[in-house]
């Protein structure tokens, strides 16, 4: 008999106290509940710290309050490291504070992960939930495409379990094996926001397998229904810089994938700028992102110096 796996959830939050409460309520209402929920507070100023300090819900909480906002990427580095080293997690379940996991989100992900391993003798690097908007439509920001070039036996095994082989996923209800975190390191904190999830999930699944299952569902409470190009504003800078970091500085993608992804990004950026009522803002972000992508991301230790001390988990390889 195998012992029950230890699941630790990691939630990164910044100035969205009400949404965070929805996230925690969703986790607590699950048919399976993590042993611990680590909440990384990115120096919120909206009462989030007081809410977490006085939390009396059913979850076992480990609150980490940072002294500065290091973005979602930095927050996940802190939380994932803590989950593995301090809490001995077998699986780390990660999400932002605008995620509302539905009751079977965790239990179904665990079940598919175990069943796939038993059938193929290969443990999937991660299981990603199906992500929907508030009205139940599949969210375009979290679209996961089937893995190109997946072996037929692996594809068939996933299909029998109601799952699909994928290459990458967003950090919206993703169940990651702790062994993969130890093997491949942590996300790259210097990404700050956007595409840190693309780089990391593609990195840990490049030579392994990863799945999404429609039986595990999470709601993504974004303000608008659309992908990252819907209304990026000043964040377009991070979209450009970070995508180029993925394509030029990371080993997450194979060379042929980098060619395909780069072409797709160039088309998407052109469409986003053309459709924007504030083209100057986006063009400024484009050129600034191009310039800053020429310099490699800083190490996690540099980014998080004075915020949180990294320990034994190896940093992401460049």
Protein backbone atom coordinates (compact mmCIF):
# COMPACT_ATOMS: atom_id res chain seq x y z
CA UNK A 1 0.00 0.00 0.00
CA UNK A 2 1.15 3.53 -0.73
CA UNK A 3 0.81 6.33 1.78
CA UNK A 4 -1.35 9.34 1.04
CA UNK A 5 0.69 11.97 -0.82
CA UNK A 6 1.37 15.25 0.95
CA UNK A 7 -0.15 18.12 -1.01
CA UNK A 8 0.81 21.70 -0.21
CA UNK A 9 -1.00 24.55 -1.96
CA UNK A 10 0.78 27.80 -2.83
CA UNK A 11 -1.27 30.95 -3.40
CA UNK A 12 0.42 34.22 -4.36
CA UNK A 13 -1.54 37.39 -3.58
CA UNK A 14 -1.20 41.13 -4.02
CA UNK A 15 -3.90 43.68 -3.12
CA UNK A 16 -6.89 41.46 -3.92
CA UNK A 17 -8.18 40.57 -0.48
CA UNK A 18 -11.72 39.71 -1.59
CA UNK A 19 -10.55 37.51 -4.44
CA UNK A 20 -8.07 35.82 -2.11
CA UNK A 21 -10.92 34.96 0.24
CA UNK A 22 -12.77 33.37 -2.70
CA UNK A 23 -9.65 31.35 -3.53
CA UNK A 24 -9.28 30.07 0.03
CA UNK A 25 -12.98 29.21 0.25
CA UNK A 26 -12.67 27.25 -2.98
CA UNK A 27 -9.71 25.29 -1.63
CA UNK A 28 -11.50 24.60 1.65
CA UNK A 29 -14.63 23.33 -0.14
CA UNK A 30 -12.69 20.69 -2.06
CA UNK A 31 -13.37 16.97 -1.90
CA UNK A 32 -9.64 16.76 -1.20
CA UNK A 33 -7.92 19.48 0.82
CA UNK A 34 -4.16 20.17 0.96
CA UNK A 35 -2.33 19.54 4.21
CA UNK A 36 -1.09 23.14 4.23
CA UNK A 37 -1.88 26.29 2.25
CA UNK A 38 1.07 28.64 1.87
CA UNK A 39 -0.06 32.18 1.11
CA UNK A 40 2.68 34.47 -0.14
CA UNK A 41 1.62 38.08 0.38
CA UNK A 42 3.54 40.38 -1.96
CA UNK A 43 3.50 43.32 0.47
CA UNK A 44 -0.21 44.06 0.00
CA UNK A 45 -1.56 47.40 1.24
CA UNK A 46 -5.32 46.68 1.07
CA UNK A 47 -5.88 44.88 4.36
CA UNK A 48 -4.79 41.46 3.08
CA UNK A 49 -2.24 41.12 5.89
CA UNK A 50 -4.91 41.76 8.55
CA UNK A 51 -7.27 39.29 6.88
CA UNK A 52 -4.61 36.59 6.87
CA UNK A 53 -3.54 37.37 10.43
CA UNK A 54 -7.08 36.87 11.73
CA UNK A 55 -8.06 33.99 9.41
CA UNK A 56 -10.12 31.40 11.30
CA UNK A 57 -11.23 29.14 8.48
CA UNK A 58 -10.71 25.37 8.24
CA UNK A 59 -7.42 25.48 6.31
CA UNK A 60 -3.99 25.01 7.86
CA UNK A 61 -2.24 28.20 6.81
CA UNK A 62 1.40 29.21 6.48
CA UNK A 63 1.52 32.91 5.66
CA UNK A 64 4.68 34.45 4.22
CA UNK A 65 4.60 38.24 4.12
CA UNK A 66 7.22 39.78 1.87
CA UNK A 67 8.61 43.27 2.35
CA UNK A 68 8.26 44.21 -1.33
CA UNK A 69 6.22 43.13 -4.32
CA UNK A 70 8.32 40.68 -6.34
CA UNK A 71 5.46 39.76 -8.67
CA UNK A 72 3.78 36.44 -9.23
CA UNK A 73 7.06 34.89 -10.39
CA UNK A 74 8.95 35.84 -7.24
CA UNK A 75 6.04 34.84 -5.04
CA UNK A 76 5.87 31.38 -6.55
CA UNK A 77 9.61 30.92 -6.09
CA UNK A 78 9.23 31.69 -2.39
CA UNK A 79 6.13 29.54 -1.91
CA UNK A 80 7.29 26.51 -3.90
CA UNK A 81 10.63 26.43 -2.12
CA UNK A 82 8.88 26.58 1.24
CA UNK A 83 6.42 23.82 0.24
CA UNK A 84 9.23 21.42 -0.65
CA UNK A 85 11.75 22.23 2.08
CA UNK A 86 9.61 23.18 5.08
CA UNK A 87 6.54 21.02 4.53
CA UNK A 88 7.90 17.96 2.72
CA UNK A 89 5.39 18.18 -0.12
CA UNK A 90 4.96 15.35 -2.60
CA UNK A 91 2.84 17.60 -4.81
CA UNK A 92 2.70 21.41 -4.90
CA UNK A 93 -0.61 22.87 -6.03
CA UNK A 94 -0.12 26.44 -7.25
CA UNK A 95 -2.46 29.27 -8.16
CA UNK A 96 -2.88 33.04 -8.16
CA UNK A 97 -5.32 34.88 -5.91
CA UNK A 98 -7.89 35.22 -8.71
CA UNK A 99 -8.27 31.44 -9.00
CA UNK A 100 -11.31 29.66 -7.59
CA UNK A 101 -10.78 25.88 -7.66
CA UNK A 102 -13.99 23.91 -7.96
CA UNK A 103 -14.70 21.10 -5.45
CA UNK A 104 -13.12 18.24 -7.41
CA UNK A 105 -10.15 20.23 -8.75
CA UNK A 106 -7.52 18.70 -6.48
CA UNK A 107 -8.97 15.22 -6.07
CA UNK A 108 -9.37 14.71 -9.82
CA UNK A 109 -5.86 15.97 -10.53
CA UNK A 110 -4.42 13.56 -7.97
CA UNK A 111 -6.46 10.69 -9.34
CA UNK A 112 -5.37 11.30 -12.94
CA UNK A 113 -1.74 11.68 -11.90
CA UNK A 114 -1.77 8.33 -10.07
CA UNK A 115 -3.74 6.50 -12.75
CA UNK A 116 -1.46 7.72 -15.53
CA UNK A 117 1.63 6.63 -13.61
CA UNK A 118 0.13 3.18 -12.98
CA UNK A 119 -0.77 2.75 -16.64
CA UNK A 120 2.41 4.08 -18.27
CA UNK A 121 4.99 3.69 -15.46
CA UNK A 122 5.78 7.37 -15.99
CA UNK A 123 4.86 9.99 -13.44
CA UNK A 124 3.54 13.18 -15.10
CA UNK A 125 5.46 16.33 -14.22
CA UNK A 126 2.23 18.20 -13.59
CA UNK A 127 -1.54 18.05 -13.98
CA UNK A 128 -3.27 21.26 -15.06
CA UNK A 129 -6.92 21.98 -14.36
CA UNK A 130 -9.32 23.06 -17.07
CA UNK A 131 -9.60 26.83 -16.60
CA UNK A 132 -12.91 28.61 -17.19
CA UNK A 133 -14.09 32.17 -16.82
CA UNK A 134 -16.83 33.23 -14.41
CA UNK A 135 -19.56 32.18 -16.86
CA UNK A 136 -18.13 28.71 -17.47
CA UNK A 137 -16.54 29.34 -20.87
CA UNK A 138 -13.01 28.05 -21.42
CA UNK A 139 -10.72 30.97 -20.64
CA UNK A 140 -8.58 32.00 -23.64
CA UNK A 141 -5.84 33.31 -21.35
CA UNK A 142 -5.28 29.76 -20.10
CA UNK A 143 -5.63 27.85 -23.34
CA UNK A 144 -3.63 24.61 -23.36
CA UNK A 145 -2.86 23.05 -26.71
CA UNK A 146 -2.26 19.31 -27.18
CA UNK A 147 1.39 18.36 -27.24
CA UNK A 148 2.81 18.14 -30.74
CA UNK A 149 4.80 14.97 -31.34
CA UNK A 150 3.48 13.10 -28.32
CA UNK A 151 3.89 9.34 -28.51
CA UNK A 152 0.73 7.55 -29.58
CA UNK A 153 0.79 5.22 -26.57
CA UNK A 154 1.11 8.15 -24.18
CA UNK A 155 -1.63 10.09 -25.98
CA UNK A 156 -3.93 7.06 -25.87
CA UNK A 157 -3.23 6.42 -22.19
CA UNK A 158 -4.11 10.01 -21.37
CA UNK A 159 -7.28 9.86 -23.46
CA UNK A 160 -8.48 6.76 -21.61
CA UNK A 161 -8.27 8.79 -18.41
CA UNK A 162 -10.13 11.75 -19.87
CA UNK A 163 -6.90 13.74 -20.10
CA UNK A 164 -4.78 15.36 -22.81
CA UNK A 165 -1.02 15.52 -23.25
CA UNK A 166 0.11 19.17 -23.10
CA UNK A 167 3.38 21.05 -23.26
CA UNK A 168 2.78 24.00 -20.95
CA UNK A 169 0.16 25.53 -18.66
CA UNK A 170 -0.57 28.74 -16.76
CA UNK A 171 -0.14 28.93 -13.01
CA UNK A 172 -3.90 28.64 -12.46
CA UNK A 173 -4.48 25.41 -10.53
CA UNK A 174 -1.47 23.31 -11.54
CA UNK A 175 -0.47 20.27 -9.48
CA UNK A 176 3.32 19.84 -9.75
CA UNK A 177 5.31 16.89 -8.44
CA UNK A 178 7.84 18.01 -5.85
CA UNK A 179 10.42 15.73 -7.44
CA UNK A 180 10.26 17.85 -10.58
CA UNK A 181 10.90 20.99 -8.53
CA UNK A 182 13.97 19.36 -6.98
CA UNK A 183 15.15 18.12 -10.36
CA UNK A 184 14.57 21.23 -12.46
CA UNK A 185 14.74 24.02 -9.91
CA UNK A 186 12.34 26.89 -9.34
CA UNK A 187 10.66 29.43 -11.63
CA UNK A 188 12.68 32.52 -12.58
CA UNK A 189 11.79 35.36 -10.23
CA UNK A 190 13.04 38.12 -12.53
CA UNK A 191 10.14 37.49 -14.93
CA UNK A 192 7.98 39.30 -12.34
CA UNK A 193 4.69 38.66 -14.18
CA UNK A 194 3.68 36.81 -17.33
CA UNK A 195 5.34 33.88 -19.07
CA UNK A 196 7.11 32.63 -15.94
CA UNK A 197 4.54 29.83 -16.04
CA UNK A 198 5.19 29.12 -19.74
CA UNK A 199 8.94 28.88 -19.14
CA UNK A 200 8.66 26.75 -16.03
CA UNK A 201 6.01 24.25 -17.12
CA UNK A 202 7.66 23.83 -20.51
CA UNK A 203 11.01 23.32 -18.79
CA UNK A 204 9.85 20.53 -16.51
CA UNK A 205 7.80 18.80 -19.22
CA UNK A 206 10.29 19.02 -22.08
CA UNK A 207 11.58 15.47 -21.64
CA UNK A 208 8.65 14.13 -19.66
CA UNK A 209 4.88 14.20 -19.75
CA UNK A 210 2.25 16.66 -18.57
CA UNK A 211 -1.52 16.49 -18.68
CA UNK A 212 -4.66 18.52 -18.40
CA UNK A 213 -7.97 16.98 -17.39
CA UNK A 214 -11.44 18.43 -17.84
CA UNK A 215 -12.57 16.74 -14.63
CA UNK A 216 -10.44 19.19 -12.63
CA UNK A 217 -11.86 22.70 -13.03
CA UNK A 218 -10.83 26.12 -11.77
CA UNK A 219 -12.50 29.48 -12.37
CA UNK A 220 -10.22 32.35 -13.33
CA UNK A 221 -11.69 35.63 -12.08
CA UNK A 222 -10.11 38.06 -14.55
CA UNK A 223 -11.80 41.39 -15.19
CA UNK A 224 -12.30 40.68 -18.88
CA UNK A 225 -12.78 37.58 -21.02
CA UNK A 226 -9.74 37.44 -23.27
CA UNK A 227 -6.12 36.44 -23.60
CA UNK A 228 -3.06 38.47 -22.61
CA UNK A 229 -3.46 40.58 -25.74
CA UNK A 230 -6.95 41.79 -24.86
CA UNK A 231 -5.83 44.87 -22.94
CA UNK A 232 -2.18 44.55 -21.90
CA UNK A 233 -1.46 48.24 -21.33
CA UNK A 234 1.94 48.82 -19.73
CA UNK A 235 2.22 45.08 -19.01
CA UNK A 236 2.93 44.53 -22.69
CA UNK A 237 6.55 45.20 -21.77
CA UNK A 238 6.64 42.00 -19.68
CA UNK A 239 4.94 40.03 -22.44
CA UNK A 240 7.66 41.01 -24.92
CA UNK A 241 10.71 40.84 -22.65
CA UNK A 242 9.73 37.58 -20.99
CA UNK A 243 8.70 35.78 -24.18
CA UNK A 244 12.05 36.70 -25.71
CA UNK A 245 13.79 35.43 -22.57
CA UNK A 246 11.97 32.12 -23.03
CA UNK A 247 13.01 31.90 -26.67
CA UNK A 248 16.63 33.03 -26.25
CA UNK A 249 17.71 32.36 -22.65
CA UNK A 250 15.87 29.20 -21.61
CA UNK A 251 16.20 25.53 -22.52
CA UNK A 252 12.49 24.98 -21.88
CA UNK A 253 11.67 24.70 -25.59
CA UNK A 254 13.26 22.62 -28.30
CA UNK A 255 14.78 24.61 -31.22
CA UNK A 256 11.86 23.80 -33.53
CA UNK A 257 9.40 24.89 -30.83
CA UNK A 258 11.24 28.20 -30.44
CA UNK A 259 10.85 28.87 -34.15
CA UNK A 260 7.11 28.13 -34.08
CA UNK A 261 6.49 30.04 -30.85
CA UNK A 262 8.49 33.07 -32.00
CA UNK A 263 6.49 33.29 -35.21
CA UNK A 264 3.22 33.04 -33.31
CA UNK A 265 4.30 35.72 -30.84
CA UNK A 266 5.29 38.15 -33.57
CA UNK A 267 1.87 37.74 -35.22
CA UNK A 268 0.06 38.17 -31.90
CA UNK A 269 2.05 41.26 -30.96
CA UNK A 270 1.31 42.86 -34.33
CA UNK A 271 -2.42 42.16 -33.93
CA UNK A 272 -2.43 43.47 -30.36
CA UNK A 273 -0.76 46.73 -31.32
CA UNK A 274 -2.95 47.19 -34.40
CA UNK A 275 -6.14 46.73 -32.34
CA UNK A 276 -5.05 48.94 -29.43
CA UNK A 277 -6.46 52.46 -28.94
CA UNK A 278 -3.14 53.34 -27.28
CA UNK A 279 -0.57 52.20 -29.80
CA UNK A 280 2.15 54.49 -28.46
CA UNK A 281 2.04 52.83 -25.03
CA UNK A 282 2.33 49.37 -26.56
CA UNK A 283 5.07 50.39 -28.98
CA UNK A 284 7.02 51.85 -26.06
CA UNK A 285 6.59 48.54 -24.24
CA UNK A 286 7.64 46.61 -27.33
CA UNK A 287 10.91 48.48 -27.84
CA UNK A 288 11.71 48.54 -24.13
CA UNK A 289 11.05 44.80 -23.92
CA UNK A 290 13.28 44.17 -26.94
CA UNK A 291 16.12 46.14 -25.35
CA UNK A 292 15.86 44.58 -21.92
CA UNK A 293 15.63 41.04 -23.31
CA UNK A 294 19.23 41.37 -24.49
CA UNK A 295 20.38 41.04 -20.88
CA UNK A 296 19.83 37.71 -19.11
CA UNK A 297 17.46 37.49 -16.12
CA UNK A 298 19.04 38.02 -12.73
CA UNK A 299 19.43 35.03 -10.45
CA UNK A 300 16.65 34.30 -7.97
CA UNK A 301 19.02 35.10 -5.12
CA UNK A 302 19.66 38.56 -6.56
CA UNK A 303 15.97 39.31 -7.13
CA UNK A 304 14.92 38.12 -3.69
CA UNK A 305 17.84 39.50 -1.70
CA UNK A 306 16.51 40.92 1.53
CA UNK A 307 13.03 39.54 0.74
CA UNK A 308 13.53 35.85 1.32
CA UNK A 309 16.60 33.61 1.61
CA UNK A 310 16.78 30.75 -0.88
CA UNK A 311 18.16 27.51 0.50
CA UNK A 312 18.82 24.07 -0.93
CA UNK A 313 16.53 23.87 -3.94
CA UNK A 314 18.68 24.48 -7.01
CA UNK A 315 17.94 27.58 -9.04
CA UNK A 316 16.60 27.40 -12.54
CA UNK A 317 19.32 26.70 -15.06
CA UNK A 318 19.92 29.42 -17.62
